[in-house]
Amino acid sequence: MKLNRLKEVFDEKGVKNRTLSAVLNKSESTISLWRNNKRQPSLEEFYIIAKLLRVNIHDLIESTKWEGEKSLTYEQISKKTINK
């Protein structure tokens, strides 16, 4: 599941894993995992990255547009649970 847009933003901004790892005091392999959506930074780390790159934090995260989504909503599940 793709949760972040770090690869796109890092590529666009010319961000190197080595440089970011030094700033965040993380290993280059951790930055690579984030970049490739294998792991996710904490919210605080997303904030620091957004601040460093001067981008909106929302630009670092996949959009949550739900048009056409067919999975159940919390409200639907809640109604089914209450009616049992």
Protein backbone atom coordinates (compact mmCIF):
# COMPACT_ATOMS: atom_id res chain seq x y z
CA MET A 1 0.00 0.00 0.00
CA LYS A 2 1.37 3.36 -0.98
CA LEU A 3 1.00 5.81 1.90
CA ASN A 4 3.55 8.49 1.20
CA ARG A 5 4.79 10.50 -1.75
CA LEU A 6 8.35 10.88 -0.50
CA LYS A 7 9.95 9.34 -3.60
CA GLU A 8 8.21 11.80 -5.91
CA VAL A 9 8.93 14.81 -3.71
CA PHE A 10 12.53 13.78 -2.98
CA ASP A 11 13.20 13.20 -6.68
CA GLU A 12 11.64 16.56 -7.55
CA LYS A 13 13.66 18.39 -4.88
CA GLY A 14 16.89 16.45 -5.49
CA VAL A 15 16.93 15.07 -1.93
CA LYS A 16 19.72 12.60 -1.22
CA ASN A 17 19.20 9.89 1.39
CA ARG A 18 22.66 10.55 2.86
CA THR A 19 21.97 14.22 3.50
CA LEU A 20 18.53 13.64 4.98
CA SER A 21 19.84 10.82 7.16
CA ALA A 22 22.43 13.18 8.66
CA VAL A 23 19.85 15.88 9.36
CA LEU A 24 17.36 13.46 10.94
CA ASN A 25 19.97 11.30 12.64
CA LYS A 26 18.61 8.19 10.90
CA SER A 27 20.39 5.58 8.82
CA GLU A 28 20.41 5.87 5.05
CA SER A 29 18.60 2.54 4.92
CA THR A 30 15.76 3.98 7.04
CA ILE A 31 15.43 6.93 4.66
CA SER A 32 15.41 4.48 1.75
CA LEU A 33 12.62 2.46 3.39
CA TRP A 34 10.59 5.63 3.79
CA ARG A 35 11.31 6.71 0.24
CA ASN A 36 10.13 3.34 -1.10
CA ASN A 37 7.02 3.08 1.11
CA LYS A 38 8.35 0.07 3.00
CA ARG A 39 8.12 2.02 6.28
CA GLN A 40 6.65 5.35 7.25
CA PRO A 41 8.19 8.27 9.13
CA SER A 42 6.47 9.42 12.29
CA LEU A 43 4.23 12.46 12.08
CA GLU A 44 6.99 14.50 13.70
CA GLU A 45 9.47 13.29 11.06
CA PHE A 46 7.02 14.14 8.27
CA TYR A 47 6.77 17.63 9.79
CA ILE A 48 10.55 18.06 9.89
CA ILE A 49 10.88 16.87 6.28
CA ALA A 50 8.13 19.25 5.15
CA LYS A 51 9.81 22.12 6.98
CA LEU A 52 13.25 21.32 5.51
CA LEU A 53 11.85 21.13 1.97
CA ARG A 54 9.43 24.04 2.51
CA VAL A 55 6.48 22.01 1.24
CA ASN A 56 3.03 21.46 2.66
CA ILE A 57 3.05 18.28 4.76
CA HIS A 58 0.05 17.11 2.71
CA ASP A 59 2.34 16.98 -0.33
CA LEU A 60 4.29 14.19 1.38
CA ILE A 61 1.27 11.94 1.94
CA GLU A 62 -0.96 10.17 -0.57
CA SER A 63 -4.27 11.90 -1.20
CA THR A 64 -7.33 10.53 0.59
CA LYS A 65 -9.96 11.18 -2.03
CA TRP A 66 -12.64 8.59 -1.42
CA GLU A 67 -14.88 9.05 -4.47
CA GLY A 68 -15.77 5.64 -5.83
CA GLU A 69 -14.46 3.78 -2.75
CA LYS A 70 -16.56 0.68 -2.16
CA SER A 71 -15.36 -0.42 1.28
CA LEU A 72 -17.69 -0.04 4.25
CA THR A 73 -17.58 3.13 6.28
CA TYR A 74 -17.41 3.27 10.06
CA GLU A 75 -21.00 4.53 10.11
CA GLN A 76 -22.24 1.53 8.09
CA ILE A 77 -20.38 -0.95 10.29
CA SER A 78 -21.63 0.78 13.43
CA LYS A 79 -25.26 0.54 12.28
CA LYS A 80 -24.85 -3.18 11.53
CA THR A 81 -23.28 -3.76 14.94
CA ILE A 82 -25.99 -1.88 16.83
CA ASN A 83 -28.77 -3.72 14.98
CA LYS A 84 -27.48 -7.16 16.02
